[in-house]
Amino acid sequence: MLRGEQLAKLYPAVYEVAAQFNCPCGDCNDGVEVCDCDMVRGATEVRTFIYQLLQVHKPAHVIEMVEEKYGHRKAVTSNQ
């Protein structure tokens, strides 16, 4: 199971999208990019969903689809 630095190195686009979400399992407060939760609707499922979507969609669209299906998007902060 790839997560954290391994995920960032091998699948940077998956990492970038996953890093925008908290694990939706309800039992932890970890980000999808680092969580090793394999529960139903957990981080592993979300990363797999992200990977599959990125085969045909651009990251911005994938973020929207993940948010629609799983929710739990991290608060968006702006440095501008």
N, C-alpha and C. Protein backbone atom coordinates (compact mmCIF):
# COMPACT_ATOMS: atom_id res chain seq x y z
N MET A 1 0.85 -1.18 0.00
CA MET A 1 0.00 0.00 0.00
C MET A 1 0.89 1.24 0.00
N LEU A 2 0.67 2.09 -0.95
CA LEU A 2 1.48 3.31 -1.07
C LEU A 2 0.80 4.47 -0.36
N ARG A 3 1.60 5.17 0.43
CA ARG A 3 1.11 6.37 1.10
C ARG A 3 2.31 7.24 1.44
N GLY A 4 2.06 8.46 1.84
CA GLY A 4 3.12 9.35 2.25
C GLY A 4 4.17 9.58 1.18
N GLU A 5 5.44 9.48 1.58
CA GLU A 5 6.55 9.77 0.66
C GLU A 5 6.59 8.84 -0.54
N GLN A 6 6.28 7.55 -0.34
CA GLN A 6 6.26 6.62 -1.47
C GLN A 6 5.22 7.02 -2.49
N LEU A 7 4.04 7.37 -2.01
CA LEU A 7 2.96 7.79 -2.91
C LEU A 7 3.36 9.06 -3.65
N ALA A 8 3.95 10.02 -2.93
CA ALA A 8 4.36 11.29 -3.55
C ALA A 8 5.40 11.06 -4.64
N LYS A 9 6.31 10.12 -4.39
CA LYS A 9 7.39 9.86 -5.35
C LYS A 9 6.88 9.11 -6.59
N LEU A 10 6.06 8.09 -6.38
CA LEU A 10 5.62 7.24 -7.50
C LEU A 10 4.38 7.78 -8.21
N TYR A 11 3.49 8.43 -7.48
CA TYR A 11 2.25 8.93 -8.06
C TYR A 11 1.99 10.35 -7.54
N PRO A 12 2.79 11.31 -7.98
CA PRO A 12 2.66 12.67 -7.43
C PRO A 12 1.28 13.29 -7.62
N ALA A 13 0.61 13.00 -8.72
CA ALA A 13 -0.73 13.58 -8.94
C ALA A 13 -1.74 13.00 -7.95
N VAL A 14 -1.63 11.71 -7.67
CA VAL A 14 -2.52 11.09 -6.68
C VAL A 14 -2.26 11.71 -5.31
N TYR A 15 -0.99 11.88 -4.97
CA TYR A 15 -0.63 12.48 -3.68
C TYR A 15 -1.20 13.89 -3.56
N GLU A 16 -1.04 14.68 -4.62
CA GLU A 16 -1.50 16.07 -4.57
C GLU A 16 -3.01 16.16 -4.37
N VAL A 17 -3.77 15.29 -5.02
CA VAL A 17 -5.22 15.30 -4.83
C VAL A 17 -5.55 14.75 -3.43
N ALA A 18 -4.94 13.63 -3.06
CA ALA A 18 -5.23 13.01 -1.76
C ALA A 18 -4.92 13.95 -0.60
N ALA A 19 -3.88 14.77 -0.76
CA ALA A 19 -3.47 15.68 0.31
C ALA A 19 -4.52 16.75 0.61
N GLN A 20 -5.52 16.86 -0.24
CA GLN A 20 -6.56 17.87 -0.03
C GLN A 20 -7.74 17.35 0.79
N PHE A 21 -7.66 16.08 1.21
CA PHE A 21 -8.78 15.46 1.91
C PHE A 21 -8.34 14.78 3.20
N ASN A 22 -9.24 14.79 4.19
CA ASN A 22 -9.07 13.99 5.39
C ASN A 22 -9.73 12.65 5.16
N CYS A 23 -9.23 11.63 5.83
CA CYS A 23 -9.80 10.29 5.69
C CYS A 23 -11.28 10.33 6.08
N PRO A 24 -12.16 9.81 5.21
CA PRO A 24 -13.60 9.88 5.48
C PRO A 24 -14.14 8.73 6.34
N CYS A 25 -13.26 7.89 6.90
CA CYS A 25 -13.74 6.72 7.64
C CYS A 25 -14.51 7.09 8.90
N GLY A 26 -14.19 8.24 9.49
CA GLY A 26 -14.87 8.66 10.71
C GLY A 26 -14.16 8.23 11.99
N ASP A 27 -13.11 7.43 11.87
CA ASP A 27 -12.40 6.95 13.06
C ASP A 27 -11.04 7.61 13.26
N CYS A 28 -10.60 8.41 12.32
CA CYS A 28 -9.29 9.05 12.46
C CYS A 28 -9.35 10.47 11.93
N ASN A 29 -8.28 11.20 12.12
CA ASN A 29 -8.21 12.58 11.64
C ASN A 29 -7.03 12.76 10.68
N ASP A 30 -6.60 11.68 10.05
CA ASP A 30 -5.44 11.73 9.16
C ASP A 30 -5.83 12.17 7.76
N GLY A 31 -4.84 12.71 7.05
CA GLY A 31 -5.05 13.05 5.65
C GLY A 31 -5.04 11.79 4.80
N VAL A 32 -5.78 11.81 3.71
CA VAL A 32 -5.86 10.65 2.81
C VAL A 32 -4.47 10.29 2.28
N GLU A 33 -3.59 11.28 2.11
CA GLU A 33 -2.26 11.01 1.54
C GLU A 33 -1.36 10.20 2.48
N VAL A 34 -1.61 10.21 3.79
CA VAL A 34 -0.74 9.50 4.73
C VAL A 34 -1.45 8.40 5.51
N CYS A 35 -2.76 8.40 5.54
CA CYS A 35 -3.52 7.43 6.33
C CYS A 35 -3.38 6.02 5.74
N ASP A 36 -3.33 5.01 6.62
CA ASP A 36 -3.27 3.63 6.12
C ASP A 36 -4.57 2.88 6.38
N CYS A 37 -5.65 3.63 6.59
CA CYS A 37 -6.97 3.07 6.86
C CYS A 37 -7.48 2.29 5.65
N ASP A 38 -7.83 1.03 5.88
CA ASP A 38 -8.39 0.25 4.77
C ASP A 38 -9.85 -0.11 5.03
N MET A 39 -10.51 0.69 5.86
CA MET A 39 -11.94 0.50 6.12
C MET A 39 -12.73 0.88 4.86
N VAL A 40 -13.99 0.47 4.82
CA VAL A 40 -14.88 0.90 3.74
C VAL A 40 -14.95 2.42 3.82
N ARG A 41 -14.81 3.08 2.68
CA ARG A 41 -14.77 4.53 2.58
C ARG A 41 -13.57 5.11 3.33
N GLY A 42 -12.52 4.33 3.45
CA GLY A 42 -11.30 4.79 4.10
C GLY A 42 -10.30 5.32 3.09
N ALA A 43 -9.13 5.72 3.59
CA ALA A 43 -8.11 6.37 2.77
C ALA A 43 -7.64 5.51 1.60
N THR A 44 -7.47 4.21 1.82
CA THR A 44 -7.01 3.34 0.74
C THR A 44 -8.01 3.33 -0.41
N GLU A 45 -9.29 3.26 -0.08
CA GLU A 45 -10.34 3.28 -1.10
C GLU A 45 -10.33 4.62 -1.85
N VAL A 46 -10.16 5.71 -1.11
CA VAL A 46 -10.16 7.03 -1.73
C VAL A 46 -8.97 7.19 -2.67
N ARG A 47 -7.77 6.75 -2.23
CA ARG A 47 -6.59 6.84 -3.10
C ARG A 47 -6.77 6.02 -4.37
N THR A 48 -7.37 4.85 -4.26
CA THR A 48 -7.64 4.03 -5.44
C THR A 48 -8.60 4.75 -6.38
N PHE A 49 -9.65 5.35 -5.83
CA PHE A 49 -10.62 6.12 -6.61
C PHE A 49 -9.92 7.27 -7.32
N ILE A 50 -9.05 7.98 -6.61
CA ILE A 50 -8.30 9.10 -7.19
C ILE A 50 -7.43 8.61 -8.34
N TYR A 51 -6.70 7.53 -8.12
CA TYR A 51 -5.82 6.98 -9.16
C TYR A 51 -6.62 6.65 -10.41
N GLN A 52 -7.75 5.98 -10.25
CA GLN A 52 -8.57 5.59 -11.40
C GLN A 52 -9.09 6.81 -12.13
N LEU A 53 -9.55 7.81 -11.41
CA LEU A 53 -10.08 9.02 -12.05
C LEU A 53 -9.00 9.79 -12.80
N LEU A 54 -7.80 9.81 -12.25
CA LEU A 54 -6.72 10.56 -12.90
C LEU A 54 -6.29 9.95 -14.23
N GLN A 55 -6.72 8.74 -14.52
CA GLN A 55 -6.40 8.13 -15.81
C GLN A 55 -7.13 8.84 -16.95
N VAL A 56 -8.26 9.50 -16.63
CA VAL A 56 -9.06 10.14 -17.68
C VAL A 56 -9.48 11.57 -17.38
N HIS A 57 -9.23 12.05 -16.16
CA HIS A 57 -9.67 13.40 -15.79
C HIS A 57 -8.49 14.23 -15.29
N LYS A 58 -8.63 15.53 -15.38
CA LYS A 58 -7.63 16.45 -14.86
C LYS A 58 -7.78 16.56 -13.33
N PRO A 59 -6.68 16.85 -12.62
CA PRO A 59 -6.72 16.90 -11.14
C PRO A 59 -7.84 17.78 -10.57
N ALA A 60 -8.09 18.95 -11.16
CA ALA A 60 -9.13 19.83 -10.62
C ALA A 60 -10.51 19.16 -10.66
N HIS A 61 -10.76 18.42 -11.73
CA HIS A 61 -12.03 17.71 -11.84
C HIS A 61 -12.08 16.53 -10.87
N VAL A 62 -10.97 15.85 -10.70
CA VAL A 62 -10.90 14.73 -9.76
C VAL A 62 -11.19 15.21 -8.34
N ILE A 63 -10.64 16.36 -7.97
CA ILE A 63 -10.89 16.92 -6.64
C ILE A 63 -12.38 17.13 -6.45
N GLU A 64 -13.05 17.67 -7.44
CA GLU A 64 -14.50 17.89 -7.35
C GLU A 64 -15.24 16.56 -7.18
N MET A 65 -14.84 15.54 -7.94
CA MET A 65 -15.53 14.25 -7.87
C MET A 65 -15.29 13.56 -6.53
N VAL A 66 -14.08 13.66 -6.00
CA VAL A 66 -13.79 13.07 -4.70
C VAL A 66 -14.59 13.79 -3.62
N GLU A 67 -14.64 15.10 -3.70
CA GLU A 67 -15.41 15.87 -2.71
C GLU A 67 -16.88 15.50 -2.77
N GLU A 68 -17.41 15.30 -3.97
CA GLU A 68 -18.82 14.94 -4.14
C GLU A 68 -19.10 13.55 -3.57
N LYS A 69 -18.19 12.60 -3.80
CA LYS A 69 -18.43 11.23 -3.36
C LYS A 69 -18.12 11.01 -1.88
N TYR A 70 -17.01 11.57 -1.41
CA TYR A 70 -16.55 11.28 -0.05
C TYR A 70 -16.62 12.46 0.92
N GLY A 71 -16.61 13.69 0.40
CA GLY A 71 -16.57 14.85 1.28
C GLY A 71 -15.22 14.93 1.99
N HIS A 72 -15.21 15.56 3.15
CA HIS A 72 -14.03 15.65 4.01
C HIS A 72 -12.85 16.40 3.40
N ARG A 73 -13.16 17.37 2.54
CA ARG A 73 -12.07 18.17 1.99
C ARG A 73 -11.49 19.06 3.09
N LYS A 74 -10.18 19.15 3.10
CA LYS A 74 -9.52 20.00 4.09
C LYS A 74 -9.87 21.45 3.82
N ALA A 75 -9.83 22.27 4.85
CA ALA A 75 -10.12 23.70 4.69
C ALA A 75 -9.15 24.30 3.68
N VAL A 76 -9.70 25.06 2.76
CA VAL A 76 -8.88 25.70 1.73
C VAL A 76 -8.35 27.01 2.31
N THR A 77 -7.04 27.15 2.30
CA THR A 77 -6.44 28.38 2.79
C THR A 77 -5.79 29.12 1.63
N SER A 78 -5.78 30.41 1.72
CA SER A 78 -5.19 31.22 0.65
C SER A 78 -4.12 32.13 1.24
N ASN A 79 -3.00 32.20 0.57
CA ASN A 79 -1.90 33.05 1.02
C ASN A 79 -1.85 34.32 0.21
N GLN A 80 -2.92 34.66 -0.46
CA GLN A 80 -2.92 35.84 -1.31
C GLN A 80 -3.54 37.01 -0.64
